[in-house]
Amino acid sequence: MFKRELKINFKNFMIWTLILITLFLAIFLTYPSIIAGDNMKALNDMMKMFPEDLLKAFNMDISSIDSAFGWIKTEGFVFVLLITGIYSGILGSGILLKEENDKTIEYLNSVPVKRTQIVINKVGVGLFYIVFMVMILGIFNYAGLSFSEEFDGKSYWLLSITPIFSSVVIFTLCLFLSTFTHKTKNTLGISLGIVFASYFLNVVSELSEETEFLRYISVFTLADIRNVILDVKINPYMVLVTVGLSAILIGGTLVRYHRKELV
């Protein structure tokens, strides 16, 4: 069943991965000309016009965009977090419901496959594709940076794996929510809403001390990019929270799916 799920979800995985690779390929091809000559001075002058809190929200107060790696640490990871988050949300909201929408659940019920096996296999496939996407992008960007400039390899690899934390929680959360309905379209909007609302809360939390508490509501806080840039290490607390939340949500999914009336 695991191989079957890999095959079914491979096309969407490739589409979203190619979107990310194409985005960063364009950056590697065009960034040298963007920062050449007087362009960099103009960019720096423009950055000085923005409020410090706004620069902090995008990590531009601790990382310059005068190189491709600098851009990746700031705006680049905005795209990575959002796109991997959207992919994970869509995957989580539909990977279980697809059986009901396609009426293949009737076939699964006719063979000796327990519901627990169905959930575990689908969770395994989801986690595999999320990690695989992040790894492919990480290797691609490492190769691109290696050809274009010198950079801190340790800092890069630590940053590269941080999207896994937020994406896994988004996936398991949307998977759990999908057990409350029978139609993918009912959860798709909710999944996208979770991603964009979480990112908005994460940005707003960096704007002032009064809004800092919002970071504890945002899933993207688990990525902890800012601290990785500053300390060049991953906070083990974020790993524990990610594992704990994911385990609870997977457990909730198993309970809900056992009780669900499948159609």
C-alpha atoms as a PDB file:
ATOM      1  CA  MET A   1       0.000   0.000   0.000  1.00  0.00           C
ATOM      2  CA  PHE A   2       2.922   2.340   0.719  1.00  0.00           C
ATOM      3  CA  LYS A   3       4.203   1.992  -2.860  1.00  0.00           C
ATOM      4  CA  ARG A   4       0.696   2.613  -4.182  1.00  0.00           C
ATOM      5  CA  GLU A   5       0.454   5.849  -2.202  1.00  0.00           C
ATOM      6  CA  LEU A   6       3.896   6.966  -3.371  1.00  0.00           C
ATOM      7  CA  LYS A   7       2.828   6.510  -6.978  1.00  0.00           C
ATOM      8  CA  ILE A   8      -0.520   8.270  -6.533  1.00  0.00           C
ATOM      9  CA  ASN A   9       1.013  11.353  -4.903  1.00  0.00           C
ATOM     10  CA  PHE A  10       4.187  11.531  -7.007  1.00  0.00           C
ATOM     11  CA  LYS A  11       2.808  13.882  -9.677  1.00  0.00           C
ATOM     12  CA  ASN A  12       1.762  16.595  -7.210  1.00  0.00           C
ATOM     13  CA  PHE A  13       5.071  16.236  -5.407  1.00  0.00           C
ATOM     14  CA  MET A  14       6.989  16.824  -8.635  1.00  0.00           C
ATOM     15  CA  ILE A  15       4.875  19.856  -9.577  1.00  0.00           C
ATOM     16  CA  TRP A  16       5.443  21.628  -6.240  1.00  0.00           C
ATOM     17  CA  THR A  17       9.129  20.689  -6.146  1.00  0.00           C
ATOM     18  CA  LEU A  18       9.658  22.039  -9.660  1.00  0.00           C
ATOM     19  CA  ILE A  19       7.948  25.286  -8.673  1.00  0.00           C
ATOM     20  CA  LEU A  20      10.495  25.774  -5.889  1.00  0.00           C
ATOM     21  CA  ILE A  21      13.471  24.755  -8.025  1.00  0.00           C
ATOM     22  CA  THR A  22      12.403  27.058 -10.869  1.00  0.00           C
ATOM     23  CA  LEU A  23      12.070  29.971  -8.449  1.00  0.00           C
ATOM     24  CA  PHE A  24      15.574  29.518  -7.056  1.00  0.00           C
ATOM     25  CA  LEU A  25      17.077  28.780 -10.453  1.00  0.00           C
ATOM     26  CA  ALA A  26      15.804  32.178 -11.604  1.00  0.00           C
ATOM     27  CA  ILE A  27      17.422  33.781  -8.555  1.00  0.00           C
ATOM     28  CA  PHE A  28      20.818  32.176  -9.189  1.00  0.00           C
ATOM     29  CA  LEU A  29      20.715  33.260 -12.826  1.00  0.00           C
ATOM     30  CA  THR A  30      19.640  36.847 -12.220  1.00  0.00           C
ATOM     31  CA  TYR A  31      21.010  37.793  -8.795  1.00  0.00           C
ATOM     32  CA  PRO A  32      24.576  38.585  -9.964  1.00  0.00           C
ATOM     33  CA  SER A  33      23.211  41.289 -12.256  1.00  0.00           C
ATOM     34  CA  ILE A  34      20.814  42.563  -9.578  1.00  0.00           C
ATOM     35  CA  ILE A  35      23.635  43.300  -7.117  1.00  0.00           C
ATOM     36  CA  ALA A  36      26.127  44.490  -9.732  1.00  0.00           C
ATOM     37  CA  GLY A  37      27.330  48.091 -10.009  1.00  0.00           C
ATOM     38  CA  ASP A  38      25.147  50.734  -8.412  1.00  0.00           C
ATOM     39  CA  ASN A  39      22.187  48.371  -7.975  1.00  0.00           C
ATOM     40  CA  MET A  40      23.375  47.149  -4.583  1.00  0.00           C
ATOM     41  CA  LYS A  41      23.809  50.710  -3.318  1.00  0.00           C
ATOM     42  CA  ALA A  42      20.276  51.513  -4.469  1.00  0.00           C
ATOM     43  CA  LEU A  43      18.961  48.404  -2.675  1.00  0.00           C
ATOM     44  CA  ASN A  44      20.760  49.335   0.538  1.00  0.00           C
ATOM     45  CA  ASP A  45      19.413  52.875   0.361  1.00  0.00           C
ATOM     46  CA  MET A  46      15.919  51.475  -0.100  1.00  0.00           C
ATOM     47  CA  MET A  47      16.365  49.167   2.909  1.00  0.00           C
ATOM     48  CA  LYS A  48      17.251  52.170   5.084  1.00  0.00           C
ATOM     49  CA  MET A  49      13.821  53.642   4.348  1.00  0.00           C
ATOM     50  CA  PHE A  50      11.980  50.702   5.942  1.00  0.00           C
ATOM     51  CA  PRO A  51      11.195  50.653   9.682  1.00  0.00           C
ATOM     52  CA  GLU A  52      13.548  48.509  11.762  1.00  0.00           C
ATOM     53  CA  ASP A  53      10.694  46.317  13.000  1.00  0.00           C
ATOM     54  CA  LEU A  54       9.675  45.529   9.416  1.00  0.00           C
ATOM     55  CA  LEU A  55      13.245  44.589   8.506  1.00  0.00           C
ATOM     56  CA  LYS A  56      13.339  42.367  11.587  1.00  0.00           C
ATOM     57  CA  ALA A  57      10.204  40.547  10.450  1.00  0.00           C
ATOM     58  CA  PHE A  58      12.074  39.436   7.325  1.00  0.00           C
ATOM     59  CA  ASN A  59      15.459  38.935   9.082  1.00  0.00           C
ATOM     60  CA  MET A  60      16.923  41.793   7.054  1.00  0.00           C
ATOM     61  CA  ASP A  61      18.290  43.410  10.212  1.00  0.00           C
ATOM     62  CA  ILE A  62      20.660  40.470  10.753  1.00  0.00           C
ATOM     63  CA  SER A  63      21.330  39.425   7.157  1.00  0.00           C
ATOM     64  CA  SER A  64      22.209  41.553   4.155  1.00  0.00           C
ATOM     65  CA  ILE A  65      20.772  40.837   0.708  1.00  0.00           C
ATOM     66  CA  ASP A  66      24.095  41.625  -0.984  1.00  0.00           C
ATOM     67  CA  SER A  67      24.486  37.959  -1.954  1.00  0.00           C
ATOM     68  CA  ALA A  68      22.310  35.047  -3.057  1.00  0.00           C
ATOM     69  CA  PHE A  69      22.776  33.372   0.335  1.00  0.00           C
ATOM     70  CA  GLY A  70      21.778  36.603   2.050  1.00  0.00           C
ATOM     71  CA  TRP A  71      18.611  36.718  -0.026  1.00  0.00           C
ATOM     72  CA  ILE A  72      17.874  33.062   0.789  1.00  0.00           C
ATOM     73  CA  LYS A  73      18.155  33.791   4.529  1.00  0.00           C
ATOM     74  CA  THR A  74      15.632  36.621   4.218  1.00  0.00           C
ATOM     75  CA  GLU A  75      13.048  36.681   1.436  1.00  0.00           C
ATOM     76  CA  GLY A  76      14.083  33.297   0.058  1.00  0.00           C
ATOM     77  CA  PHE A  77      12.920  31.365   3.078  1.00  0.00           C
ATOM     78  CA  VAL A  78       9.614  33.222   3.006  1.00  0.00           C
ATOM     79  CA  PHE A  79       8.888  31.460  -0.284  1.00  0.00           C
ATOM     80  CA  VAL A  80      10.240  28.131   0.964  1.00  0.00           C
ATOM     81  CA  LEU A  81       8.110  28.171   4.114  1.00  0.00           C
ATOM     82  CA  LEU A  82       4.976  29.249   2.274  1.00  0.00           C
ATOM     83  CA  ILE A  83       5.270  26.847  -0.651  1.00  0.00           C
ATOM     84  CA  THR A  84       6.252  23.829   1.455  1.00  0.00           C
ATOM     85  CA  GLY A  85       3.511  24.803   3.901  1.00  0.00           C
ATOM     86  CA  ILE A  86       0.890  25.042   1.159  1.00  0.00           C
ATOM     87  CA  TYR A  87       1.999  21.713  -0.314  1.00  0.00           C
ATOM     88  CA  SER A  88       1.887  20.051   3.108  1.00  0.00           C
ATOM     89  CA  GLY A  89      -1.552  21.486   3.842  1.00  0.00           C
ATOM     90  CA  ILE A  90      -3.003  20.329   0.528  1.00  0.00           C
ATOM     91  CA  LEU A  91      -1.391  16.911   0.938  1.00  0.00           C
ATOM     92  CA  GLY A  92      -2.683  16.504   4.488  1.00  0.00           C
ATOM     93  CA  SER A  93      -6.201  17.643   3.662  1.00  0.00           C
ATOM     94  CA  GLY A  94      -6.596  15.280   0.720  1.00  0.00           C
ATOM     95  CA  ILE A  95      -4.493  12.178   1.209  1.00  0.00           C
ATOM     96  CA  LEU A  96      -7.145  10.412   3.346  1.00  0.00           C
ATOM     97  CA  LEU A  97     -10.203  11.957   1.724  1.00  0.00           C
ATOM     98  CA  LYS A  98      -9.030  10.939  -1.746  1.00  0.00           C
ATOM     99  CA  GLU A  99     -10.152   7.375  -1.060  1.00  0.00           C
ATOM    100  CA  GLU A 100     -13.683   8.567  -0.322  1.00  0.00           C
ATOM    101  CA  ASN A 101     -13.805  11.044  -3.216  1.00  0.00           C
ATOM    102  CA  ASP A 102     -12.566   8.419  -5.695  1.00  0.00           C
ATOM    103  CA  LYS A 103     -14.739   5.699  -4.139  1.00  0.00           C
ATOM    104  CA  THR A 104     -11.638   3.521  -3.686  1.00  0.00           C
ATOM    105  CA  ILE A 105     -12.438   3.226   0.012  1.00  0.00           C
ATOM    106  CA  GLU A 106     -14.928   0.509  -0.972  1.00  0.00           C
ATOM    107  CA  TYR A 107     -12.062  -1.517  -2.424  1.00  0.00           C
ATOM    108  CA  LEU A 108      -9.902  -0.998   0.662  1.00  0.00           C
ATOM    109  CA  ASN A 109     -12.766  -2.141   2.869  1.00  0.00           C
ATOM    110  CA  SER A 110     -13.078  -5.331   0.809  1.00  0.00           C
ATOM    111  CA  VAL A 111      -9.448  -6.354   1.331  1.00  0.00           C
ATOM    112  CA  PRO A 112      -7.793  -7.251   4.652  1.00  0.00           C
ATOM    113  CA  VAL A 113      -6.482  -3.735   5.343  1.00  0.00           C
ATOM    114  CA  LYS A 114      -7.224  -2.171   8.707  1.00  0.00           C
ATOM    115  CA  ARG A 115      -7.971   1.513   9.043  1.00  0.00           C
ATOM    116  CA  THR A 116      -4.881   1.905  11.200  1.00  0.00           C
ATOM    117  CA  GLN A 117      -2.780   0.602   8.305  1.00  0.00           C
ATOM    118  CA  ILE A 118      -4.418   3.051   5.919  1.00  0.00           C
ATOM    119  CA  VAL A 119      -3.630   6.022   8.155  1.00  0.00           C
ATOM    120  CA  ILE A 120      -0.074   4.916   8.973  1.00  0.00           C
ATOM    121  CA  ASN A 121       0.784   4.331   5.311  1.00  0.00           C
ATOM    122  CA  LYS A 122      -0.610   7.687   4.259  1.00  0.00           C
ATOM    123  CA  VAL A 123       1.181   9.482   7.097  1.00  0.00           C
ATOM    124  CA  GLY A 124       4.401   7.740   6.076  1.00  0.00           C
ATOM    125  CA  VAL A 125       4.024   8.823   2.463  1.00  0.00           C
ATOM    126  CA  GLY A 126       3.206  12.391   3.476  1.00  0.00           C
ATOM    127  CA  LEU A 127       6.234  12.683   5.756  1.00  0.00           C
ATOM    128  CA  PHE A 128       8.447  11.077   3.125  1.00  0.00           C
ATOM    129  CA  TYR A 129       7.458  13.556   0.416  1.00  0.00           C
ATOM    130  CA  ILE A 130       7.757  16.575   2.741  1.00  0.00           C
ATOM    131  CA  VAL A 131      11.269  15.615   3.833  1.00  0.00           C
ATOM    132  CA  PHE A 132      12.235  14.610   0.285  1.00  0.00           C
ATOM    133  CA  MET A 133      11.068  17.972  -1.106  1.00  0.00           C
ATOM    134  CA  VAL A 134      13.085  19.904   1.468  1.00  0.00           C
ATOM    135  CA  MET A 135      16.142  17.721   0.824  1.00  0.00           C
ATOM    136  CA  ILE A 136      15.960  18.136  -2.966  1.00  0.00           C
ATOM    137  CA  LEU A 137      15.660  21.902  -2.626  1.00  0.00           C
ATOM    138  CA  GLY A 138      18.505  21.928  -0.111  1.00  0.00           C
ATOM    139  CA  ILE A 139      20.833  20.019  -2.445  1.00  0.00           C
ATOM    140  CA  PHE A 140      19.836  22.162  -5.436  1.00  0.00           C
ATOM    141  CA  ASN A 141      20.447  25.435  -3.609  1.00  0.00           C
ATOM    142  CA  TYR A 142      23.722  24.158  -2.165  1.00  0.00           C
ATOM    143  CA  ALA A 143      24.944  23.391  -5.680  1.00  0.00           C
ATOM    144  CA  GLY A 144      23.772  26.794  -6.915  1.00  0.00           C
ATOM    145  CA  LEU A 145      25.493  28.656  -4.080  1.00  0.00           C
ATOM    146  CA  SER A 146      28.677  26.622  -4.497  1.00  0.00           C
ATOM    147  CA  PHE A 147      28.985  27.792  -8.094  1.00  0.00           C
ATOM    148  CA  SER A 148      28.182  31.435  -7.362  1.00  0.00           C
ATOM    149  CA  GLU A 149      29.796  32.420  -4.037  1.00  0.00           C
ATOM    150  CA  GLU A 150      31.366  31.424  -0.727  1.00  0.00           C
ATOM    151  CA  PHE A 151      28.985  30.775   2.158  1.00  0.00           C
ATOM    152  CA  ASP A 152      28.750  29.144   5.582  1.00  0.00           C
ATOM    153  CA  GLY A 153      27.882  25.513   4.869  1.00  0.00           C
ATOM    154  CA  LYS A 154      26.804  24.647   8.421  1.00  0.00           C
ATOM    155  CA  SER A 155      24.465  27.626   8.643  1.00  0.00           C
ATOM    156  CA  TYR A 156      23.047  26.784   5.238  1.00  0.00           C
ATOM    157  CA  TRP A 157      22.230  23.147   6.019  1.00  0.00           C
ATOM    158  CA  LEU A 158      20.658  23.990   9.354  1.00  0.00           C
ATOM    159  CA  LEU A 159      18.478  26.598   7.658  1.00  0.00           C
ATOM    160  CA  SER A 160      17.596  24.154   4.888  1.00  0.00           C
ATOM    161  CA  ILE A 161      15.997  21.605   7.215  1.00  0.00           C
ATOM    162  CA  THR A 162      13.966  24.090   9.291  1.00  0.00           C
ATOM    163  CA  PRO A 163      10.936  24.072   6.904  1.00  0.00           C
ATOM    164  CA  ILE A 164      10.435  20.402   7.823  1.00  0.00           C
ATOM    165  CA  PHE A 165       9.278  21.359  11.324  1.00  0.00           C
ATOM    166  CA  SER A 166       6.475  23.703  10.281  1.00  0.00           C
ATOM    167  CA  SER A 167       5.478  21.593   7.259  1.00  0.00           C
ATOM    168  CA  VAL A 168       5.107  18.375   9.249  1.00  0.00           C
ATOM    169  CA  VAL A 169       2.818  20.037  11.799  1.00  0.00           C
ATOM    170  CA  ILE A 170       0.746  21.644   9.019  1.00  0.00           C
ATOM    171  CA  PHE A 171       0.446  18.250   7.311  1.00  0.00           C
ATOM    172  CA  THR A 172      -0.655  16.390  10.449  1.00  0.00           C
ATOM    173  CA  LEU A 173      -3.034  19.188  11.477  1.00  0.00           C
ATOM    174  CA  CYS A 174      -4.761  19.200   8.077  1.00  0.00           C
ATOM    175  CA  LEU A 175      -4.812  15.399   8.106  1.00  0.00           C
ATOM    176  CA  PHE A 176      -6.620  15.456  11.444  1.00  0.00           C
ATOM    177  CA  LEU A 177      -9.102  18.100  10.256  1.00  0.00           C
ATOM    178  CA  SER A 178      -9.877  16.026   7.150  1.00  0.00           C
ATOM    179  CA  THR A 179     -11.394  13.298   9.348  1.00  0.00           C
ATOM    180  CA  PHE A 180     -14.305  15.630  10.146  1.00  0.00           C
ATOM    181  CA  THR A 181     -15.582  15.772   6.564  1.00  0.00           C
ATOM    182  CA  HIS A 182     -16.021  13.645   3.435  1.00  0.00           C
ATOM    183  CA  LYS A 183     -15.064  16.175   0.727  1.00  0.00           C
ATOM    184  CA  THR A 184     -11.619  17.543  -0.070  1.00  0.00           C
ATOM    185  CA  LYS A 185     -13.054  20.918  -1.069  1.00  0.00           C
ATOM    186  CA  ASN A 186     -14.301  21.394   2.496  1.00  0.00           C
ATOM    187  CA  THR A 187     -10.785  21.195   3.925  1.00  0.00           C
ATOM    188  CA  LEU A 188      -8.746  22.758   1.118  1.00  0.00           C
ATOM    189  CA  GLY A 189      -9.745  26.327   1.990  1.00  0.00           C
ATOM    190  CA  ILE A 190      -9.138  25.685   5.677  1.00  0.00           C
ATOM    191  CA  SER A 191      -5.678  24.276   4.918  1.00  0.00           C
ATOM    192  CA  LEU A 192      -4.657  27.318   2.881  1.00  0.00           C
ATOM    193  CA  GLY A 193      -6.124  29.579   5.557  1.00  0.00           C
ATOM    194  CA  ILE A 194      -4.008  27.890   8.243  1.00  0.00           C
ATOM    195  CA  VAL A 195      -0.842  28.436   6.192  1.00  0.00           C
ATOM    196  CA  PHE A 196      -1.401  32.097   5.360  1.00  0.00           C
ATOM    197  CA  ALA A 197      -2.814  32.992   8.787  1.00  0.00           C
ATOM    198  CA  SER A 198       0.151  31.313  10.494  1.00  0.00           C
ATOM    199  CA  TYR A 199       2.633  33.196   8.362  1.00  0.00           C
ATOM    200  CA  PHE A 200       0.811  36.498   8.926  1.00  0.00           C
ATOM    201  CA  LEU A 201       0.842  35.948  12.698  1.00  0.00           C
ATOM    202  CA  ASN A 202       4.534  35.089  12.570  1.00  0.00           C
ATOM    203  CA  VAL A 203       5.377  38.302  10.705  1.00  0.00           C
ATOM    204  CA  VAL A 204       3.201  40.481  12.956  1.00  0.00           C
ATOM    205  CA  SER A 205       4.766  38.926  16.072  1.00  0.00           C
ATOM    206  CA  GLU A 206       8.146  40.350  15.032  1.00  0.00           C
ATOM    207  CA  LEU A 207       6.879  43.906  14.605  1.00  0.00           C
ATOM    208  CA  SER A 208       6.690  44.893  18.275  1.00  0.00           C
ATOM    209  CA  GLU A 209       6.865  43.583  21.832  1.00  0.00           C
ATOM    210  CA  GLU A 210       3.077  43.997  22.160  1.00  0.00           C
ATOM    211  CA  THR A 211       2.456  41.476  19.370  1.00  0.00           C
ATOM    212  CA  GLU A 212       5.272  39.067  20.254  1.00  0.00           C
ATOM    213  CA  PHE A 213       2.829  36.636  21.903  1.00  0.00           C
ATOM    214  CA  LEU A 214       1.350  35.859  18.448  1.00  0.00           C
ATOM    215  CA  ARG A 215       4.420  33.791  17.579  1.00  0.00           C
ATOM    216  CA  TYR A 216       3.144  31.103  19.961  1.00  0.00           C
ATOM    217  CA  ILE A 217       0.040  30.707  17.788  1.00  0.00           C
ATOM    218  CA  SER A 218       1.899  30.464  14.487  1.00  0.00           C
ATOM    219  CA  VAL A 219       3.055  27.112  13.149  1.00  0.00           C
ATOM    220  CA  PHE A 220       5.954  28.856  11.373  1.00  0.00           C
ATOM    221  CA  THR A 221       7.542  29.691  14.721  1.00  0.00           C
ATOM    222  CA  LEU A 222       8.703  26.066  14.722  1.00  0.00           C
ATOM    223  CA  ALA A 223      10.985  26.806  11.758  1.00  0.00           C
ATOM    224  CA  ASP A 224      12.910  29.162  14.073  1.00  0.00           C
ATOM    225  CA  ILE A 225      14.867  30.660  11.168  1.00  0.00           C
ATOM    226  CA  ARG A 226      15.953  33.803  12.991  1.00  0.00           C
ATOM    227  CA  ASN A 227      17.618  31.921  15.839  1.00  0.00           C
ATOM    228  CA  VAL A 228      19.329  29.567  13.391  1.00  0.00           C
ATOM    229  CA  ILE A 229      20.812  32.573  11.576  1.00  0.00           C
ATOM    230  CA  LEU A 230      22.004  34.137  14.842  1.00  0.00           C
ATOM    231  CA  ASP A 231      23.166  31.057  16.790  1.00  0.00           C
ATOM    232  CA  VAL A 232      23.874  28.614  13.918  1.00  0.00           C
ATOM    233  CA  LYS A 233      22.035  25.831  15.743  1.00  0.00           C
ATOM    234  CA  ILE A 234      18.545  24.372  15.941  1.00  0.00           C
ATOM    235  CA  ASN A 235      16.662  24.841  19.168  1.00  0.00           C
ATOM    236  CA  PRO A 236      15.954  21.291  20.472  1.00  0.00           C
ATOM    237  CA  TYR A 237      12.752  22.617  22.058  1.00  0.00           C
ATOM    238  CA  MET A 238      11.351  23.250  18.569  1.00  0.00           C
ATOM    239  CA  VAL A 239      12.152  19.671  17.586  1.00  0.00           C
ATOM    240  CA  LEU A 240      10.392  18.331  20.684  1.00  0.00           C
ATOM    241  CA  VAL A 241       7.329  20.537  20.095  1.00  0.00           C
ATOM    242  CA  THR A 242       7.173  19.419  16.463  1.00  0.00           C
ATOM    243  CA  VAL A 243       7.375  15.730  17.390  1.00  0.00           C
ATOM    244  CA  GLY A 244       4.905  16.154  20.256  1.00  0.00           C
ATOM    245  CA  LEU A 245       2.284  18.070  18.267  1.00  0.00           C
ATOM    246  CA  SER A 246       2.605  15.727  15.301  1.00  0.00           C
ATOM    247  CA  ALA A 247       2.234  12.651  17.503  1.00  0.00           C
ATOM    248  CA  ILE A 248      -0.888  14.070  19.161  1.00  0.00           C
ATOM    249  CA  LEU A 249      -2.438  14.985  15.800  1.00  0.00           C
ATOM    250  CA  ILE A 250      -1.624  11.591  14.278  1.00  0.00           C
ATOM    251  CA  GLY A 251      -3.097   9.904  17.337  1.00  0.00           C
ATOM    252  CA  GLY A 252      -6.213  12.057  17.008  1.00  0.00           C
ATOM    253  CA  THR A 253      -6.429  11.143  13.324  1.00  0.00           C
ATOM    254  CA  LEU A 254      -6.307   7.429  14.136  1.00  0.00           C
ATOM    255  CA  VAL A 255      -9.082   7.773  16.723  1.00  0.00           C
ATOM    256  CA  ARG A 256     -11.269   9.899  14.463  1.00  0.00           C
ATOM    257  CA  TYR A 257     -10.735   7.690  11.397  1.00  0.00           C
ATOM    258  CA  HIS A 258     -11.723   4.572  13.339  1.00  0.00           C
ATOM    259  CA  ARG A 259     -15.001   6.235  14.350  1.00  0.00           C
ATOM    260  CA  LYS A 260     -15.695   7.883  11.008  1.00  0.00           C
ATOM    261  CA  GLU A 261     -18.552   6.665   8.864  1.00  0.00           C
ATOM    262  CA  LEU A 262     -16.862   6.183   5.493  1.00  0.00           C
ATOM    263  CA  VAL A 263     -18.853   6.745   2.313  1.00  0.00           C
END
